[in-house]
Structure formats: structure tokens, C-alpha cells
Amino acid sequence: MARPHPPSDANPRLVRCPACGGESVYAPANLYRPFCSERCKNMDLGAWASEEFRVPEKPAPDDE
């Protein structure tokens, strides 16, 4: 069975930047992946640090 080849640097995979929605190169050459830039990466980190983003928490079960 043939194994799929990872995308080469000659044909990089483009993804949507989670911060700005622009195109981002998803390859080892992009130090900020999946973000498009250091600015977008830092904006996302700042949002987590200021608790703008939160992981949902299940409510505690009622003790009856």
C-alpha cells in the first residue's frame, strides 16, 4: 500500500489563519503556523491570557 506524501515546500498547503481569516502557509517554513504572522499569533495568545476564550466546563451534578 502506497503511503501518502506530505506536501512539499514547492506546493505548500494553505489554510485559513484562525485570527484574521487570511491565507496562511502551513509548512515548517512558517514559524507561526497555523497563524499567518507573529501579530496574529500574539493576538490569539493575548485573548487566551485575558480569558476572552474559555474551554467550556460541564456543570457540576446536583447532589440530591
PDB file of N, CA and C in Angstrom:
ATOM      1  N   MET A   1       0.851  -1.169   0.000  1.00  0.00           N
ATOM      2  CA  MET A   1       0.000   0.000   0.000  1.00  0.00           C
ATOM      3  C   MET A   1       0.901   1.239   0.000  1.00  0.00           C
ATOM      4  N   ALA A   2       0.605   2.157  -0.891  1.00  0.00           N
ATOM      5  CA  ALA A   2       1.402   3.373  -1.009  1.00  0.00           C
ATOM      6  C   ALA A   2       1.047   4.338   0.117  1.00  0.00           C
ATOM      7  N   ARG A   3       2.052   4.954   0.685  1.00  0.00           N
ATOM      8  CA  ARG A   3       1.837   5.939   1.743  1.00  0.00           C
ATOM      9  C   ARG A   3       1.718   7.314   1.109  1.00  0.00           C
ATOM     10  N   PRO A   4       0.795   8.145   1.584  1.00  0.00           N
ATOM     11  CA  PRO A   4       0.680   9.498   1.016  1.00  0.00           C
ATOM     12  C   PRO A   4       1.911  10.324   1.371  1.00  0.00           C
ATOM     13  N   HIS A   5       2.319  11.141   0.440  1.00  0.00           N
ATOM     14  CA  HIS A   5       3.474  12.009   0.658  1.00  0.00           C
ATOM     15  C   HIS A   5       3.016  13.313   1.285  1.00  0.00           C
ATOM     16  N   PRO A   6       3.756  13.835   2.256  1.00  0.00           N
ATOM     17  CA  PRO A   6       3.395  15.137   2.807  1.00  0.00           C
ATOM     18  C   PRO A   6       3.605  16.214   1.755  1.00  0.00           C
ATOM     19  N   PRO A   7       2.875  17.326   1.842  1.00  0.00           N
ATOM     20  CA  PRO A   7       3.067  18.388   0.855  1.00  0.00           C
ATOM     21  C   PRO A   7       4.507  18.889   0.879  1.00  0.00           C
ATOM     22  N   SER A   8       5.044  19.141  -0.275  1.00  0.00           N
ATOM     23  CA  SER A   8       6.423  19.640  -0.356  1.00  0.00           C
ATOM     24  C   SER A   8       6.424  21.157  -0.229  1.00  0.00           C
ATOM     25  N   ASP A   9       7.595  21.720   0.007  1.00  0.00           N
ATOM     26  CA  ASP A   9       7.705  23.180   0.094  1.00  0.00           C
ATOM     27  C   ASP A   9       7.401  23.837  -1.242  1.00  0.00           C
ATOM     28  N   ALA A  10       7.533  23.092  -2.343  1.00  0.00           N
ATOM     29  CA  ALA A  10       7.239  23.646  -3.658  1.00  0.00           C
ATOM     30  C   ALA A  10       5.739  23.847  -3.833  1.00  0.00           C
ATOM     31  N   ASN A  11       4.930  23.065  -3.125  1.00  0.00           N
ATOM     32  CA  ASN A  11       3.473  23.172  -3.214  1.00  0.00           C
ATOM     33  C   ASN A  11       2.912  23.220  -1.793  1.00  0.00           C
ATOM     34  N   PRO A  12       3.094  24.353  -1.092  1.00  0.00           N
ATOM     35  CA  PRO A  12       2.688  24.415   0.322  1.00  0.00           C
ATOM     36  C   PRO A  12       1.173  24.385   0.483  1.00  0.00           C
ATOM     37  N   ARG A  13       0.745  23.856   1.598  1.00  0.00           N
ATOM     38  CA  ARG A  13      -0.676  23.802   1.927  1.00  0.00           C
ATOM     39  C   ARG A  13      -1.091  25.150   2.507  1.00  0.00           C
ATOM     40  N   LEU A  14      -2.169  25.716   1.993  1.00  0.00           N
ATOM     41  CA  LEU A  14      -2.685  26.976   2.501  1.00  0.00           C
ATOM     42  C   LEU A  14      -3.886  26.687   3.390  1.00  0.00           C
ATOM     43  N   VAL A  15      -3.902  27.309   4.558  1.00  0.00           N
ATOM     44  CA  VAL A  15      -5.015  27.175   5.499  1.00  0.00           C
ATOM     45  C   VAL A  15      -5.485  28.577   5.877  1.00  0.00           C
ATOM     46  N   ARG A  16      -6.642  28.640   6.512  1.00  0.00           N
ATOM     47  CA  ARG A  16      -7.167  29.930   6.965  1.00  0.00           C
ATOM     48  C   ARG A  16      -6.578  30.254   8.332  1.00  0.00           C
ATOM     49  N   CYS A  17      -6.047  31.459   8.470  1.00  0.00           N
ATOM     50  CA  CYS A  17      -5.483  31.912   9.746  1.00  0.00           C
ATOM     51  C   CYS A  17      -6.617  32.012  10.757  1.00  0.00           C
ATOM     52  N   PRO A  18      -6.476  31.374  11.938  1.00  0.00           N
ATOM     53  CA  PRO A  18      -7.545  31.412  12.932  1.00  0.00           C
ATOM     54  C   PRO A  18      -7.812  32.811  13.490  1.00  0.00           C
ATOM     55  N   ALA A  19      -6.859  33.714  13.382  1.00  0.00           N
ATOM     56  CA  ALA A  19      -7.030  35.052  13.961  1.00  0.00           C
ATOM     57  C   ALA A  19      -7.666  36.040  12.979  1.00  0.00           C
ATOM     58  N   CYS A  20      -7.114  36.141  11.776  1.00  0.00           N
ATOM     59  CA  CYS A  20      -7.590  37.159  10.838  1.00  0.00           C
ATOM     60  C   CYS A  20      -8.398  36.590   9.678  1.00  0.00           C
ATOM     61  N   GLY A  21      -8.328  35.280   9.468  1.00  0.00           N
ATOM     62  CA  GLY A  21      -9.073  34.661   8.378  1.00  0.00           C
ATOM     63  C   GLY A  21      -8.363  34.698   7.044  1.00  0.00           C
ATOM     64  N   GLY A  22      -7.175  35.276   7.000  1.00  0.00           N
ATOM     65  CA  GLY A  22      -6.407  35.331   5.761  1.00  0.00           C
ATOM     66  C   GLY A  22      -5.720  33.999   5.478  1.00  0.00           C
ATOM     67  N   GLU A  23      -5.052  33.921   4.351  1.00  0.00           N
ATOM     68  CA  GLU A  23      -4.343  32.698   3.996  1.00  0.00           C
ATOM     69  C   GLU A  23      -3.049  32.582   4.795  1.00  0.00           C
ATOM     70  N   SER A  24      -2.753  31.369   5.205  1.00  0.00           N
ATOM     71  CA  SER A  24      -1.541  31.083   5.952  1.00  0.00           C
ATOM     72  C   SER A  24      -0.892  29.845   5.369  1.00  0.00           C
ATOM     73  N   VAL A  25       0.424  29.884   5.203  1.00  0.00           N
ATOM     74  CA  VAL A  25       1.160  28.734   4.688  1.00  0.00           C
ATOM     75  C   VAL A  25       1.380  27.765   5.842  1.00  0.00           C
ATOM     76  N   TYR A  26       0.873  26.544   5.690  1.00  0.00           N
ATOM     77  CA  TYR A  26       1.021  25.528   6.736  1.00  0.00           C
ATOM     78  C   TYR A  26       2.188  24.642   6.355  1.00  0.00           C
ATOM     79  N   ALA A  27       3.374  25.108   6.702  1.00  0.00           N
ATOM     80  CA  ALA A  27       4.609  24.393   6.384  1.00  0.00           C
ATOM     81  C   ALA A  27       5.649  24.755   7.435  1.00  0.00           C
ATOM     82  N   PRO A  28       6.669  23.913   7.601  1.00  0.00           N
ATOM     83  CA  PRO A  28       7.715  24.206   8.583  1.00  0.00           C
ATOM     84  C   PRO A  28       8.385  25.568   8.384  1.00  0.00           C
ATOM     85  N   ALA A  29       8.340  26.098   7.171  1.00  0.00           N
ATOM     86  CA  ALA A  29       8.944  27.397   6.901  1.00  0.00           C
ATOM     87  C   ALA A  29       8.194  28.535   7.610  1.00  0.00           C
ATOM     88  N   ASN A  30       6.915  28.333   7.926  1.00  0.00           N
ATOM     89  CA  ASN A  30       6.119  29.346   8.620  1.00  0.00           C
ATOM     90  C   ASN A  30       6.221  29.083  10.123  1.00  0.00           C
ATOM     91  N   LEU A  31       7.035  29.860  10.805  1.00  0.00           N
ATOM     92  CA  LEU A  31       7.266  29.670  12.238  1.00  0.00           C
ATOM     93  C   LEU A  31       6.025  29.930  13.073  1.00  0.00           C
ATOM     94  N   TYR A  32       5.016  30.596  12.505  1.00  0.00           N
ATOM     95  CA  TYR A  32       3.832  30.986  13.265  1.00  0.00           C
ATOM     96  C   TYR A  32       2.615  30.120  12.935  1.00  0.00           C
ATOM     97  N   ARG A  33       2.806  29.040  12.164  1.00  0.00           N
ATOM     98  CA  ARG A  33       1.663  28.224  11.747  1.00  0.00           C
ATOM     99  C   ARG A  33       0.868  27.727  12.938  1.00  0.00           C
ATOM    100  N   PRO A  34      -0.409  27.687  12.898  1.00  0.00           N
ATOM    101  CA  PRO A  34      -1.289  27.892  11.755  1.00  0.00           C
ATOM    102  C   PRO A  34      -1.611  29.359  11.486  1.00  0.00           C
ATOM    103  N   PHE A  35      -0.996  30.269  12.233  1.00  0.00           N
ATOM    104  CA  PHE A  35      -1.243  31.694  12.029  1.00  0.00           C
ATOM    105  C   PHE A  35      -0.416  32.206  10.862  1.00  0.00           C
ATOM    106  N   CYS A  36      -0.857  33.329  10.301  1.00  0.00           N
ATOM    107  CA  CYS A  36      -0.148  33.871   9.138  1.00  0.00           C
ATOM    108  C   CYS A  36       1.034  34.745   9.540  1.00  0.00           C
ATOM    109  N   SER A  37       1.045  35.233  10.779  1.00  0.00           N
ATOM    110  CA  SER A  37       2.110  36.149  11.197  1.00  0.00           C
ATOM    111  C   SER A  37       2.286  36.113  12.710  1.00  0.00           C
ATOM    112  N   GLU A  38       3.363  36.724  13.155  1.00  0.00           N
ATOM    113  CA  GLU A  38       3.612  36.828  14.599  1.00  0.00           C
ATOM    114  C   GLU A  38       2.518  37.652  15.267  1.00  0.00           C
ATOM    115  N   ARG A  39       2.045  38.678  14.579  1.00  0.00           N
ATOM    116  CA  ARG A  39       0.989  39.528  15.126  1.00  0.00           C
ATOM    117  C   ARG A  39      -0.271  38.710  15.430  1.00  0.00           C
ATOM    118  N   CYS A  40      -0.706  37.891  14.473  1.00  0.00           N
ATOM    119  CA  CYS A  40      -1.907  37.074  14.678  1.00  0.00           C
ATOM    120  C   CYS A  40      -1.696  36.052  15.796  1.00  0.00           C
ATOM    121  N   LYS A  41      -0.516  35.475  15.860  1.00  0.00           N
ATOM    122  CA  LYS A  41      -0.227  34.511  16.923  1.00  0.00           C
ATOM    123  C   LYS A  41      -0.296  35.188  18.287  1.00  0.00           C
ATOM    124  N   ASN A  42       0.275  36.385  18.404  1.00  0.00           N
ATOM    125  CA  ASN A  42       0.266  37.112  19.672  1.00  0.00           C
ATOM    126  C   ASN A  42      -1.129  37.601  20.049  1.00  0.00           C
ATOM    127  N   MET A  43      -1.947  37.970  19.059  1.00  0.00           N
ATOM    128  CA  MET A  43      -3.326  38.376  19.341  1.00  0.00           C
ATOM    129  C   MET A  43      -4.102  37.204  19.946  1.00  0.00           C
ATOM    130  N   ASP A  44      -3.908  36.008  19.396  1.00  0.00           N
ATOM    131  CA  ASP A  44      -4.589  34.821  19.903  1.00  0.00           C
ATOM    132  C   ASP A  44      -4.110  34.494  21.319  1.00  0.00           C
ATOM    133  N   LEU A  45      -2.814  34.550  21.531  1.00  0.00           N
ATOM    134  CA  LEU A  45      -2.264  34.289  22.865  1.00  0.00           C
ATOM    135  C   LEU A  45      -2.802  35.293  23.876  1.00  0.00           C
ATOM    136  N   GLY A  46      -2.875  36.558  23.484  1.00  0.00           N
ATOM    137  CA  GLY A  46      -3.412  37.591  24.374  1.00  0.00           C
ATOM    138  C   GLY A  46      -4.870  37.359  24.720  1.00  0.00           C
ATOM    139  N   ALA A  47      -5.655  36.868  23.753  1.00  0.00           N
ATOM    140  CA  ALA A  47      -7.070  36.585  24.010  1.00  0.00           C
ATOM    141  C   ALA A  47      -7.215  35.462  25.031  1.00  0.00           C
ATOM    142  N   TRP A  48      -6.375  34.432  24.929  1.00  0.00           N
ATOM    143  CA  TRP A  48      -6.404  33.350  25.933  1.00  0.00           C
ATOM    144  C   TRP A  48      -5.956  33.876  27.292  1.00  0.00           C
ATOM    145  N   ALA A  49      -4.896  34.695  27.309  1.00  0.00           N
ATOM    146  CA  ALA A  49      -4.353  35.199  28.570  1.00  0.00           C
ATOM    147  C   ALA A  49      -5.346  36.106  29.294  1.00  0.00           C
ATOM    148  N   SER A  50      -6.145  36.862  28.534  1.00  0.00           N
ATOM    149  CA  SER A  50      -7.128  37.752  29.156  1.00  0.00           C
ATOM    150  C   SER A  50      -8.484  37.070  29.351  1.00  0.00           C
ATOM    151  N   GLU A  51      -8.506  35.763  29.113  1.00  0.00           N
ATOM    152  CA  GLU A  51      -9.694  34.928  29.303  1.00  0.00           C
ATOM    153  C   GLU A  51     -10.859  35.299  28.396  1.00  0.00           C
ATOM    154  N   GLU A  52     -10.557  35.859  27.198  1.00  0.00           N
ATOM    155  CA  GLU A  52     -11.601  36.083  26.204  1.00  0.00           C
ATOM    156  C   GLU A  52     -12.072  34.737  25.653  1.00  0.00           C
ATOM    157  N   PHE A  53     -11.170  33.772  25.581  1.00  0.00           N
ATOM    158  CA  PHE A  53     -11.506  32.418  25.155  1.00  0.00           C
ATOM    159  C   PHE A  53     -11.517  31.543  26.398  1.00  0.00           C
ATOM    160  N   ARG A  54     -12.461  30.644  26.458  1.00  0.00           N
ATOM    161  CA  ARG A  54     -12.525  29.730  27.591  1.00  0.00           C
ATOM    162  C   ARG A  54     -12.917  28.353  27.097  1.00  0.00           C
ATOM    163  N   VAL A  55     -12.414  27.355  27.753  1.00  0.00           N
ATOM    164  CA  VAL A  55     -12.808  25.987  27.477  1.00  0.00           C
ATOM    165  C   VAL A  55     -14.111  25.743  28.228  1.00  0.00           C
ATOM    166  N   PRO A  56     -15.157  25.254  27.533  1.00  0.00           N
ATOM    167  CA  PRO A  56     -16.421  25.041  28.229  1.00  0.00           C
ATOM    168  C   PRO A  56     -16.299  24.047  29.374  1.00  0.00           C
ATOM    169  N   GLU A  57     -17.000  24.328  30.444  1.00  0.00           N
ATOM    170  CA  GLU A  57     -16.952  23.471  31.616  1.00  0.00           C
ATOM    171  C   GLU A  57     -18.332  22.863  31.824  1.00  0.00           C
ATOM    172  N   LYS A  58     -18.357  21.566  32.092  1.00  0.00           N
ATOM    173  CA  LYS A  58     -19.627  20.901  32.361  1.00  0.00           C
ATOM    174  C   LYS A  58     -20.108  21.318  33.745  1.00  0.00           C
ATOM    175  N   PRO A  59     -21.402  21.609  33.875  1.00  0.00           N
ATOM    176  CA  PRO A  59     -21.899  21.967  35.201  1.00  0.00           C
ATOM    177  C   PRO A  59     -21.779  20.784  36.176  1.00  0.00           C
ATOM    178  N   ALA A  60     -21.547  21.110  37.419  1.00  0.00           N
ATOM    179  CA  ALA A  60     -21.424  20.088  38.450  1.00  0.00           C
ATOM    180  C   ALA A  60     -22.778  19.388  38.631  1.00  0.00           C
ATOM    181  N   PRO A  61     -22.780  18.087  38.837  1.00  0.00           N
ATOM    182  CA  PRO A  61     -24.048  17.392  39.054  1.00  0.00           C
ATOM    183  C   PRO A  61     -24.697  17.839  40.366  1.00  0.00           C
ATOM    184  N   ASP A  62     -26.016  17.919  40.341  1.00  0.00           N
ATOM    185  CA  ASP A  62     -26.738  18.298  41.551  1.00  0.00           C
ATOM    186  C   ASP A  62     -26.711  17.147  42.549  1.00  0.00           C
ATOM    187  N   ASP A  63     -26.402  17.457  43.775  1.00  0.00           N
ATOM    188  CA  ASP A  63     -26.433  16.444  44.839  1.00  0.00           C
ATOM    189  C   ASP A  63     -27.838  16.409  45.405  1.00  0.00           C
ATOM    190  N   GLU A  64     -28.520  15.333  45.179  1.00  0.00           N
ATOM    191  CA  GLU A  64     -29.885  15.230  45.689  1.00  0.00           C
ATOM    192  C   GLU A  64     -29.979  14.175  46.758  1.00  0.00           C
TER     193      GLU A  64
END
